[in-house]
């Protein structure tokens, strides 16, 4: 489960030999060759991994609560959580190499030593074990002005649209939009009656409508009860959808200025909840406009 959760932080554009939604491969680009670093926050309640997109255009996070682990211990200072920065690419490339058995049947131990700054992973299966030590790369990435962060941009404005949708249904819709050749943007329209994803590529377009239904939505709300539409980078939006393949439900919220917050609810084997969060700004905001249209 831990491997699956962490893999949600890396989009198909950031990793080699990746898989698109629907299982189709994608060629690596220059951007995909870069290491992905995450800020790690260790607290008594659990561990949070945060990945910030290039230029602050997106932010993804995974919160792994303490109950996921059979044993969870911390030795924190009174000042607060322990924080460090590490290569997520190194972690995800290492785990499959260490384990020749299925990841879901392999024991995983993670530890971090504040004294030497080393993050250690040990995988065990029956009478064998393998380990690797990864040096932390320094302090966490701190925003010079926290008020300009995407999280603040979302929290500071009221939510105008919220949809809680079955993740498997949304996965199929995102797959259709992502497969449009030459598409660079995706329009998201939320109304009291439906959620619509649409895009246009080199030879045509695609529009997928999810009608209001108890089989699709847990809830669908708009404030005020009218249609709300925004446009997002298709590359950034689909990177935030990496958690769909593991999630049970996904919550999509859009605030007044178009910042979109996505939260995937992932259940462990006994039904306990962990969350994968993603925030992305709309294309209109990137172009210097605060309102849609």
C-alpha atoms as a PDB file:
ATOM      1  CA  UNK A   1       0.000   0.000   0.000  1.00  0.00           C
ATOM      2  CA  UNK A   2       2.808   2.430   0.834  1.00  0.00           C
ATOM      3  CA  UNK A   3       4.381   1.950  -2.602  1.00  0.00           C
ATOM      4  CA  UNK A   4       1.045   2.566  -4.324  1.00  0.00           C
ATOM      5  CA  UNK A   5       0.411   5.735  -2.335  1.00  0.00           C
ATOM      6  CA  UNK A   6       3.854   7.197  -3.030  1.00  0.00           C
ATOM      7  CA  UNK A   7       3.620   6.376  -6.730  1.00  0.00           C
ATOM      8  CA  UNK A   8       0.579   8.687  -6.892  1.00  0.00           C
ATOM      9  CA  UNK A   9       2.923  11.665  -6.379  1.00  0.00           C
ATOM     10  CA  UNK A  10       4.764  11.036  -9.635  1.00  0.00           C
ATOM     11  CA  UNK A  11       2.920  11.828 -12.844  1.00  0.00           C
ATOM     12  CA  UNK A  12       3.464   9.888 -16.068  1.00  0.00           C
ATOM     13  CA  UNK A  13       5.434  12.891 -17.342  1.00  0.00           C
ATOM     14  CA  UNK A  14       7.979  12.552 -14.535  1.00  0.00           C
ATOM     15  CA  UNK A  15       8.924   8.902 -14.757  1.00  0.00           C
ATOM     16  CA  UNK A  16      10.441   6.558 -17.308  1.00  0.00           C
ATOM     17  CA  UNK A  17       8.772   3.336 -18.446  1.00  0.00           C
ATOM     18  CA  UNK A  18       5.483   4.569 -17.047  1.00  0.00           C
ATOM     19  CA  UNK A  19       1.933   3.602 -17.897  1.00  0.00           C
ATOM     20  CA  UNK A  20      -0.848   5.901 -19.045  1.00  0.00           C
ATOM     21  CA  UNK A  21      -4.374   5.512 -17.725  1.00  0.00           C
ATOM     22  CA  UNK A  22      -5.756   2.463 -19.445  1.00  0.00           C
ATOM     23  CA  UNK A  23      -2.344   0.765 -19.575  1.00  0.00           C
ATOM     24  CA  UNK A  24      -0.866   2.448 -22.667  1.00  0.00           C
ATOM     25  CA  UNK A  25       2.785   3.399 -22.477  1.00  0.00           C
ATOM     26  CA  UNK A  26       4.165   6.887 -23.002  1.00  0.00           C
ATOM     27  CA  UNK A  27       7.591   7.934 -24.237  1.00  0.00           C
ATOM     28  CA  UNK A  28       9.845   9.702 -21.779  1.00  0.00           C
ATOM     29  CA  UNK A  29      10.536  13.387 -22.328  1.00  0.00           C
ATOM     30  CA  UNK A  30      13.346  15.574 -21.097  1.00  0.00           C
ATOM     31  CA  UNK A  31      11.208  16.546 -18.130  1.00  0.00           C
ATOM     32  CA  UNK A  32      10.630  12.882 -17.307  1.00  0.00           C
ATOM     33  CA  UNK A  33      14.348  12.418 -16.730  1.00  0.00           C
ATOM     34  CA  UNK A  34      14.466  14.733 -13.750  1.00  0.00           C
ATOM     35  CA  UNK A  35      14.512  13.469 -10.194  1.00  0.00           C
ATOM     36  CA  UNK A  36      11.337  14.173  -8.242  1.00  0.00           C
ATOM     37  CA  UNK A  37      11.982  15.407  -4.708  1.00  0.00           C
ATOM     38  CA  UNK A  38       9.466  15.426  -1.892  1.00  0.00           C
ATOM     39  CA  UNK A  39       9.281  17.215   1.434  1.00  0.00           C
ATOM     40  CA  UNK A  40       8.625  14.732   4.236  1.00  0.00           C
ATOM     41  CA  UNK A  41       6.894  15.703   7.483  1.00  0.00           C
ATOM     42  CA  UNK A  42       6.967  13.168  10.323  1.00  0.00           C
ATOM     43  CA  UNK A  43       4.438  13.576  13.129  1.00  0.00           C
ATOM     44  CA  UNK A  44       3.023  11.324  15.835  1.00  0.00           C
ATOM     45  CA  UNK A  45      -0.151  10.905  13.748  1.00  0.00           C
ATOM     46  CA  UNK A  46       1.659   9.815  10.588  1.00  0.00           C
ATOM     47  CA  UNK A  47       3.913  10.799   7.682  1.00  0.00           C
ATOM     48  CA  UNK A  48       3.118  13.317   4.932  1.00  0.00           C
ATOM     49  CA  UNK A  49       4.986  13.431   1.611  1.00  0.00           C
ATOM     50  CA  UNK A  50       4.587  16.660  -0.417  1.00  0.00           C
ATOM     51  CA  UNK A  51       5.650  17.132  -4.055  1.00  0.00           C
ATOM     52  CA  UNK A  52       5.542  20.629  -5.570  1.00  0.00           C
ATOM     53  CA  UNK A  53       5.305  21.021  -9.327  1.00  0.00           C
ATOM     54  CA  UNK A  54       7.744  23.080 -11.352  1.00  0.00           C
ATOM     55  CA  UNK A  55       7.077  26.795 -10.968  1.00  0.00           C
ATOM     56  CA  UNK A  56       4.531  26.234  -8.203  1.00  0.00           C
ATOM     57  CA  UNK A  57       1.819  25.323 -10.746  1.00  0.00           C
ATOM     58  CA  UNK A  58       0.678  22.247  -8.842  1.00  0.00           C
ATOM     59  CA  UNK A  59       1.106  20.481  -5.517  1.00  0.00           C
ATOM     60  CA  UNK A  60       0.506  16.850  -4.566  1.00  0.00           C
ATOM     61  CA  UNK A  61       0.636  15.238  -1.126  1.00  0.00           C
ATOM     62  CA  UNK A  62       0.140  11.845   0.468  1.00  0.00           C
ATOM     63  CA  UNK A  63      -0.725  11.403   4.120  1.00  0.00           C
ATOM     64  CA  UNK A  64       0.076   7.919   5.454  1.00  0.00           C
ATOM     65  CA  UNK A  65      -1.480   7.670   8.888  1.00  0.00           C
ATOM     66  CA  UNK A  66       0.210   5.780  11.685  1.00  0.00           C
ATOM     67  CA  UNK A  67      -2.404   3.006  11.732  1.00  0.00           C
ATOM     68  CA  UNK A  68      -1.204   1.808   8.310  1.00  0.00           C
ATOM     69  CA  UNK A  69       1.974   0.527   9.957  1.00  0.00           C
ATOM     70  CA  UNK A  70       2.056  -2.472  12.259  1.00  0.00           C
ATOM     71  CA  UNK A  71       4.497  -0.522  14.444  1.00  0.00           C
ATOM     72  CA  UNK A  72       4.935   3.252  14.313  1.00  0.00           C
ATOM     73  CA  UNK A  73       7.347   5.114  16.606  1.00  0.00           C
ATOM     74  CA  UNK A  74       8.676   8.665  16.608  1.00  0.00           C
ATOM     75  CA  UNK A  75      11.209  10.581  18.659  1.00  0.00           C
ATOM     76  CA  UNK A  76      10.224  14.148  17.897  1.00  0.00           C
ATOM     77  CA  UNK A  77      11.507  17.319  19.463  1.00  0.00           C
ATOM     78  CA  UNK A  78       9.095  19.631  21.349  1.00  0.00           C
ATOM     79  CA  UNK A  79       9.497  22.113  18.475  1.00  0.00           C
ATOM     80  CA  UNK A  80       7.215  20.045  16.252  1.00  0.00           C
ATOM     81  CA  UNK A  81       7.364  17.572  13.372  1.00  0.00           C
ATOM     82  CA  UNK A  82      10.610  16.338  11.879  1.00  0.00           C
ATOM     83  CA  UNK A  83      11.098  17.630   8.332  1.00  0.00           C
ATOM     84  CA  UNK A  84      13.472  16.580   5.566  1.00  0.00           C
ATOM     85  CA  UNK A  85      13.699  16.465   1.777  1.00  0.00           C
ATOM     86  CA  UNK A  86      14.441  13.314  -0.222  1.00  0.00           C
ATOM     87  CA  UNK A  87      14.400  11.937  -3.754  1.00  0.00           C
ATOM     88  CA  UNK A  88      11.061  10.213  -4.364  1.00  0.00           C
ATOM     89  CA  UNK A  89      12.475   8.882  -7.624  1.00  0.00           C
ATOM     90  CA  UNK A  90      15.151   6.987  -5.694  1.00  0.00           C
ATOM     91  CA  UNK A  91      12.560   5.472  -3.353  1.00  0.00           C
ATOM     92  CA  UNK A  92      10.248   4.293  -6.122  1.00  0.00           C
ATOM     93  CA  UNK A  93      13.088   2.896  -8.208  1.00  0.00           C
ATOM     94  CA  UNK A  94      14.572   1.099  -5.222  1.00  0.00           C
ATOM     95  CA  UNK A  95      11.490  -0.674  -3.843  1.00  0.00           C
ATOM     96  CA  UNK A  96      10.821  -2.936  -6.861  1.00  0.00           C
ATOM     97  CA  UNK A  97      14.526  -3.772  -7.137  1.00  0.00           C
ATOM     98  CA  UNK A  98      14.702  -4.872  -3.514  1.00  0.00           C
ATOM     99  CA  UNK A  99      11.588  -6.998  -3.684  1.00  0.00           C
ATOM    100  CA  UNK A 100      11.393  -9.986  -6.010  1.00  0.00           C
ATOM    101  CA  UNK A 101       8.024 -10.937  -4.500  1.00  0.00           C
ATOM    102  CA  UNK A 102       4.727  -9.147  -4.774  1.00  0.00           C
ATOM    103  CA  UNK A 103       4.881  -5.778  -3.021  1.00  0.00           C
ATOM    104  CA  UNK A 104       1.618  -6.407  -1.151  1.00  0.00           C
ATOM    105  CA  UNK A 105       3.058  -9.503   0.573  1.00  0.00           C
ATOM    106  CA  UNK A 106       6.453  -8.007   1.449  1.00  0.00           C
ATOM    107  CA  UNK A 107       7.186  -6.468   4.856  1.00  0.00           C
ATOM    108  CA  UNK A 108       8.313  -2.834   4.712  1.00  0.00           C
ATOM    109  CA  UNK A 109      10.277  -0.949   7.376  1.00  0.00           C
ATOM    110  CA  UNK A 110      11.097   2.761   6.980  1.00  0.00           C
ATOM    111  CA  UNK A 111      13.268   4.807   9.326  1.00  0.00           C
ATOM    112  CA  UNK A 112      14.945   8.204   9.357  1.00  0.00           C
ATOM    113  CA  UNK A 113      17.937   9.124  11.517  1.00  0.00           C
ATOM    114  CA  UNK A 114      18.107  12.817  12.389  1.00  0.00           C
ATOM    115  CA  UNK A 115      21.800  12.535  13.266  1.00  0.00           C
ATOM    116  CA  UNK A 116      23.121  11.327   9.919  1.00  0.00           C
ATOM    117  CA  UNK A 117      20.198  12.383   7.706  1.00  0.00           C
ATOM    118  CA  UNK A 118      19.711   8.912   6.212  1.00  0.00           C
ATOM    119  CA  UNK A 119      16.341   7.476   5.165  1.00  0.00           C
ATOM    120  CA  UNK A 120      16.499   3.669   5.367  1.00  0.00           C
ATOM    121  CA  UNK A 121      14.182   1.151   3.737  1.00  0.00           C
ATOM    122  CA  UNK A 122      14.169  -2.544   4.636  1.00  0.00           C
ATOM    123  CA  UNK A 123      12.075  -5.117   2.782  1.00  0.00           C
ATOM    124  CA  UNK A 124      11.606  -8.557   4.324  1.00  0.00           C
ATOM    125  CA  UNK A 125      10.027 -11.752   3.034  1.00  0.00           C
ATOM    126  CA  UNK A 126      10.081 -14.942   5.103  1.00  0.00           C
ATOM    127  CA  UNK A 127      13.770 -15.542   5.996  1.00  0.00           C
ATOM    128  CA  UNK A 128      15.304 -12.934   3.671  1.00  0.00           C
ATOM    129  CA  UNK A 129      15.670  -9.149   3.800  1.00  0.00           C
ATOM    130  CA  UNK A 130      17.130  -6.368   1.659  1.00  0.00           C
ATOM    131  CA  UNK A 131      17.879  -2.781   2.628  1.00  0.00           C
ATOM    132  CA  UNK A 132      18.948   0.524   1.110  1.00  0.00           C
ATOM    133  CA  UNK A 133      19.973   3.850   2.630  1.00  0.00           C
ATOM    134  CA  UNK A 134      19.119   7.117   0.879  1.00  0.00           C
ATOM    135  CA  UNK A 135      20.666  10.382   2.037  1.00  0.00           C
ATOM    136  CA  UNK A 136      18.266  13.260   2.566  1.00  0.00           C
ATOM    137  CA  UNK A 137      18.937  16.232   0.321  1.00  0.00           C
ATOM    138  CA  UNK A 138      18.541  18.951   2.934  1.00  0.00           C
ATOM    139  CA  UNK A 139      15.815  21.109   4.384  1.00  0.00           C
ATOM    140  CA  UNK A 140      12.264  21.142   3.080  1.00  0.00           C
ATOM    141  CA  UNK A 141      11.323  23.511   0.270  1.00  0.00           C
ATOM    142  CA  UNK A 142       9.830  26.527   2.045  1.00  0.00           C
ATOM    143  CA  UNK A 143       7.747  29.061   0.139  1.00  0.00           C
ATOM    144  CA  UNK A 144       9.247  32.566   0.536  1.00  0.00           C
ATOM    145  CA  UNK A 145       5.706  33.916   0.813  1.00  0.00           C
ATOM    146  CA  UNK A 146       3.278  31.297   2.171  1.00  0.00           C
ATOM    147  CA  UNK A 147       0.310  33.490   1.212  1.00  0.00           C
ATOM    148  CA  UNK A 148       1.083  32.876  -2.480  1.00  0.00           C
ATOM    149  CA  UNK A 149       1.065  29.071  -2.236  1.00  0.00           C
ATOM    150  CA  UNK A 150      -1.557  27.030  -4.070  1.00  0.00           C
ATOM    151  CA  UNK A 151      -2.965  25.754  -0.797  1.00  0.00           C
ATOM    152  CA  UNK A 152      -3.534  29.329   0.387  1.00  0.00           C
ATOM    153  CA  UNK A 153      -4.979  30.261  -3.016  1.00  0.00           C
ATOM    154  CA  UNK A 154      -7.545  27.490  -2.597  1.00  0.00           C
ATOM    155  CA  UNK A 155      -8.346  28.088   1.078  1.00  0.00           C
ATOM    156  CA  UNK A 156      -8.674  31.871   0.762  1.00  0.00           C
ATOM    157  CA  UNK A 157     -11.601  31.761  -1.683  1.00  0.00           C
ATOM    158  CA  UNK A 158     -15.031  30.117  -1.304  1.00  0.00           C
ATOM    159  CA  UNK A 159     -15.749  26.809  -3.018  1.00  0.00           C
ATOM    160  CA  UNK A 160     -18.241  27.162  -5.890  1.00  0.00           C
ATOM    161  CA  UNK A 161     -18.405  23.521  -7.015  1.00  0.00           C
ATOM    162  CA  UNK A 162     -17.863  20.191  -5.262  1.00  0.00           C
ATOM    163  CA  UNK A 163     -18.247  16.650  -6.576  1.00  0.00           C
ATOM    164  CA  UNK A 164     -17.557  13.362  -4.782  1.00  0.00           C
ATOM    165  CA  UNK A 165     -17.408  10.724  -7.494  1.00  0.00           C
ATOM    166  CA  UNK A 166     -16.682   7.003  -7.725  1.00  0.00           C
ATOM    167  CA  UNK A 167     -13.000   6.803  -8.632  1.00  0.00           C
ATOM    168  CA  UNK A 168     -13.376   3.953 -11.148  1.00  0.00           C
ATOM    169  CA  UNK A 169     -15.938   5.958 -13.116  1.00  0.00           C
ATOM    170  CA  UNK A 170     -13.760   9.059 -13.110  1.00  0.00           C
ATOM    171  CA  UNK A 171     -10.747   6.971 -14.172  1.00  0.00           C
ATOM    172  CA  UNK A 172     -12.556   5.927 -17.353  1.00  0.00           C
ATOM    173  CA  UNK A 173     -13.507   9.534 -18.112  1.00  0.00           C
ATOM    174  CA  UNK A 174      -9.984  10.842 -17.588  1.00  0.00           C
ATOM    175  CA  UNK A 175      -8.600   8.060 -19.795  1.00  0.00           C
ATOM    176  CA  UNK A 176     -10.812   9.184 -22.668  1.00  0.00           C
ATOM    177  CA  UNK A 177      -9.712  12.806 -22.363  1.00  0.00           C
ATOM    178  CA  UNK A 178      -6.034  11.938 -21.959  1.00  0.00           C
ATOM    179  CA  UNK A 179      -5.971   9.846 -25.128  1.00  0.00           C
ATOM    180  CA  UNK A 180      -6.827  12.795 -27.404  1.00  0.00           C
ATOM    181  CA  UNK A 181      -3.723  13.373 -29.540  1.00  0.00           C
ATOM    182  CA  UNK A 182      -2.366  16.914 -29.386  1.00  0.00           C
ATOM    183  CA  UNK A 183      -4.589  18.067 -26.516  1.00  0.00           C
ATOM    184  CA  UNK A 184      -2.989  20.493 -24.068  1.00  0.00           C
ATOM    185  CA  UNK A 185      -5.923  21.671 -21.951  1.00  0.00           C
ATOM    186  CA  UNK A 186      -8.953  20.159 -20.277  1.00  0.00           C
ATOM    187  CA  UNK A 187     -12.165  22.036 -19.509  1.00  0.00           C
ATOM    188  CA  UNK A 188     -13.984  21.006 -16.336  1.00  0.00           C
ATOM    189  CA  UNK A 189     -17.643  21.984 -16.070  1.00  0.00           C
ATOM    190  CA  UNK A 190     -19.576  21.259 -12.885  1.00  0.00           C
ATOM    191  CA  UNK A 191     -23.307  21.858 -12.713  1.00  0.00           C
ATOM    192  CA  UNK A 192     -26.087  20.591 -10.438  1.00  0.00           C
ATOM    193  CA  UNK A 193     -26.864  17.923 -13.056  1.00  0.00           C
ATOM    194  CA  UNK A 194     -23.433  16.708 -14.256  1.00  0.00           C
ATOM    195  CA  UNK A 195     -19.648  16.806 -14.335  1.00  0.00           C
ATOM    196  CA  UNK A 196     -18.157  17.266 -17.820  1.00  0.00           C
ATOM    197  CA  UNK A 197     -14.537  16.846 -18.952  1.00  0.00           C
ATOM    198  CA  UNK A 198     -13.736  18.077 -22.456  1.00  0.00           C
ATOM    199  CA  UNK A 199     -10.669  18.734 -24.582  1.00  0.00           C
ATOM    200  CA  UNK A 200      -9.620  19.433 -28.185  1.00  0.00           C
ATOM    201  CA  UNK A 201      -6.631  17.946 -30.002  1.00  0.00           C
ATOM    202  CA  UNK A 202      -5.027  17.941 -33.442  1.00  0.00           C
ATOM    203  CA  UNK A 203      -7.749  16.010 -35.242  1.00  0.00           C
ATOM    204  CA  UNK A 204     -10.787  16.499 -33.047  1.00  0.00           C
ATOM    205  CA  UNK A 205     -12.062  16.671 -29.528  1.00  0.00           C
ATOM    206  CA  UNK A 206     -13.594  14.639 -26.742  1.00  0.00           C
ATOM    207  CA  UNK A 207     -16.280  15.427 -24.196  1.00  0.00           C
ATOM    208  CA  UNK A 208     -17.240  13.040 -21.398  1.00  0.00           C
ATOM    209  CA  UNK A 209     -20.332  13.791 -19.323  1.00  0.00           C
ATOM    210  CA  UNK A 210     -20.982  12.112 -15.988  1.00  0.00           C
ATOM    211  CA  UNK A 211     -24.698  12.662 -15.250  1.00  0.00           C
ATOM    212  CA  UNK A 212     -25.976  13.065 -11.719  1.00  0.00           C
ATOM    213  CA  UNK A 213     -26.627   9.559 -10.422  1.00  0.00           C
ATOM    214  CA  UNK A 214     -26.201   7.685  -7.165  1.00  0.00           C
ATOM    215  CA  UNK A 215     -24.228   5.089  -9.138  1.00  0.00           C
ATOM    216  CA  UNK A 216     -21.634   7.754 -10.039  1.00  0.00           C
ATOM    217  CA  UNK A 217     -21.713  10.483  -7.397  1.00  0.00           C
ATOM    218  CA  UNK A 218     -21.765  10.464  -3.635  1.00  0.00           C
ATOM    219  CA  UNK A 219     -22.610  14.164  -3.854  1.00  0.00           C
ATOM    220  CA  UNK A 220     -22.698  16.942  -6.479  1.00  0.00           C
ATOM    221  CA  UNK A 221     -23.054  20.554  -5.325  1.00  0.00           C
ATOM    222  CA  UNK A 222     -22.714  24.032  -6.838  1.00  0.00           C
ATOM    223  CA  UNK A 223     -22.736  27.397  -5.026  1.00  0.00           C
ATOM    224  CA  UNK A 224     -24.772  29.089  -6.451  1.00  0.00           C
ATOM    225  CA  UNK A 225     -26.641  26.221  -8.169  1.00  0.00           C
ATOM    226  CA  UNK A 226     -25.514  26.979 -11.717  1.00  0.00           C
ATOM    227  CA  UNK A 227     -22.820  25.806 -14.140  1.00  0.00           C
ATOM    228  CA  UNK A 228     -19.180  26.502 -13.232  1.00  0.00           C
ATOM    229  CA  UNK A 229     -16.478  25.977 -15.883  1.00  0.00           C
ATOM    230  CA  UNK A 230     -12.692  26.288 -15.825  1.00  0.00           C
ATOM    231  CA  UNK A 231      -9.774  25.281 -18.033  1.00  0.00           C
ATOM    232  CA  UNK A 232      -6.633  23.487 -16.778  1.00  0.00           C
ATOM    233  CA  UNK A 233      -3.382  22.201 -18.189  1.00  0.00           C
ATOM    234  CA  UNK A 234      -4.117  18.628 -19.293  1.00  0.00           C
ATOM    235  CA  UNK A 235      -0.623  17.556 -18.261  1.00  0.00           C
ATOM    236  CA  UNK A 236      -1.016  18.921 -14.729  1.00  0.00           C
ATOM    237  CA  UNK A 237      -4.594  17.715 -14.319  1.00  0.00           C
ATOM    238  CA  UNK A 238      -3.819  14.131 -15.339  1.00  0.00           C
ATOM    239  CA  UNK A 239      -0.804  14.077 -13.007  1.00  0.00           C
ATOM    240  CA  UNK A 240      -3.232  14.699 -10.158  1.00  0.00           C
ATOM    241  CA  UNK A 241      -5.331  11.755 -11.306  1.00  0.00           C
ATOM    242  CA  UNK A 242      -2.603   9.167 -10.662  1.00  0.00           C
ATOM    243  CA  UNK A 243      -4.364   8.146  -7.449  1.00  0.00           C
ATOM    244  CA  UNK A 244      -7.566   7.102  -9.237  1.00  0.00           C
ATOM    245  CA  UNK A 245      -6.374   3.552  -9.832  1.00  0.00           C
ATOM    246  CA  UNK A 246      -6.090   2.961  -6.069  1.00  0.00           C
ATOM    247  CA  UNK A 247      -8.907   5.165  -4.757  1.00  0.00           C
ATOM    248  CA  UNK A 248     -12.486   4.314  -3.798  1.00  0.00           C
ATOM    249  CA  UNK A 249     -13.870   7.855  -4.047  1.00  0.00           C
ATOM    250  CA  UNK A 250     -12.461  11.140  -5.326  1.00  0.00           C
ATOM    251  CA  UNK A 251     -13.514  14.625  -4.260  1.00  0.00           C
ATOM    252  CA  UNK A 252     -13.081  17.481  -6.756  1.00  0.00           C
ATOM    253  CA  UNK A 253     -13.525  21.039  -5.496  1.00  0.00           C
ATOM    254  CA  UNK A 254     -13.191  24.280  -7.451  1.00  0.00           C
ATOM    255  CA  UNK A 255     -13.080  27.658  -5.732  1.00  0.00           C
ATOM    256  CA  UNK A 256     -14.190  31.071  -6.967  1.00  0.00           C
ATOM    257  CA  UNK A 257     -10.904  31.880  -8.734  1.00  0.00           C
ATOM    258  CA  UNK A 258     -10.575  28.462 -10.345  1.00  0.00           C
ATOM    259  CA  UNK A 259      -8.100  26.684  -8.076  1.00  0.00           C
ATOM    260  CA  UNK A 260      -8.960  22.973  -8.177  1.00  0.00           C
ATOM    261  CA  UNK A 261      -8.363  20.680  -5.197  1.00  0.00           C
ATOM    262  CA  UNK A 262      -8.568  16.919  -5.700  1.00  0.00           C
ATOM    263  CA  UNK A 263      -8.586  14.388  -2.869  1.00  0.00           C
ATOM    264  CA  UNK A 264      -8.462  10.626  -3.448  1.00  0.00           C
ATOM    265  CA  UNK A 265      -9.702   8.382  -0.650  1.00  0.00           C
ATOM    266  CA  UNK A 266      -7.595   5.202  -0.540  1.00  0.00           C
ATOM    267  CA  UNK A 267      -8.640   2.324   1.710  1.00  0.00           C
ATOM    268  CA  UNK A 268      -6.302  -0.219   3.268  1.00  0.00           C
ATOM    269  CA  UNK A 269      -7.117  -3.923   3.504  1.00  0.00           C
ATOM    270  CA  UNK A 270      -9.430  -3.410   6.483  1.00  0.00           C
ATOM    271  CA  UNK A 271     -11.146  -0.291   5.141  1.00  0.00           C
ATOM    272  CA  UNK A 272      -9.195   2.425   6.955  1.00  0.00           C
ATOM    273  CA  UNK A 273      -8.708   5.667   5.046  1.00  0.00           C
ATOM    274  CA  UNK A 274      -5.601   7.374   3.695  1.00  0.00           C
ATOM    275  CA  UNK A 275      -5.648  10.382   1.399  1.00  0.00           C
ATOM    276  CA  UNK A 276      -3.835  11.599  -1.709  1.00  0.00           C
ATOM    277  CA  UNK A 277      -4.284  15.351  -2.281  1.00  0.00           C
ATOM    278  CA  UNK A 278      -3.587  17.452  -5.372  1.00  0.00           C
ATOM    279  CA  UNK A 279      -4.016  21.174  -6.060  1.00  0.00           C
ATOM    280  CA  UNK A 280      -3.701  22.915  -9.433  1.00  0.00           C
ATOM    281  CA  UNK A 281      -4.408  26.450 -10.651  1.00  0.00           C
ATOM    282  CA  UNK A 282      -6.561  27.152 -13.710  1.00  0.00           C
ATOM    283  CA  UNK A 283      -5.081  28.350 -16.997  1.00  0.00           C
ATOM    284  CA  UNK A 284      -6.936  31.666 -16.756  1.00  0.00           C
ATOM    285  CA  UNK A 285      -5.095  32.491 -13.509  1.00  0.00           C
ATOM    286  CA  UNK A 286      -1.757  31.610 -15.104  1.00  0.00           C
ATOM    287  CA  UNK A 287      -2.536  34.064 -17.898  1.00  0.00           C
ATOM    288  CA  UNK A 288      -3.168  36.839 -15.366  1.00  0.00           C
ATOM    289  CA  UNK A 289      -6.957  36.764 -15.276  1.00  0.00           C
ATOM    290  CA  UNK A 290      -8.804  36.137 -12.017  1.00  0.00           C
ATOM    291  CA  UNK A 291     -12.209  35.366 -13.524  1.00  0.00           C
ATOM    292  CA  UNK A 292     -13.310  32.851 -16.137  1.00  0.00           C
ATOM    293  CA  UNK A 293     -14.506  33.979 -19.573  1.00  0.00           C
END
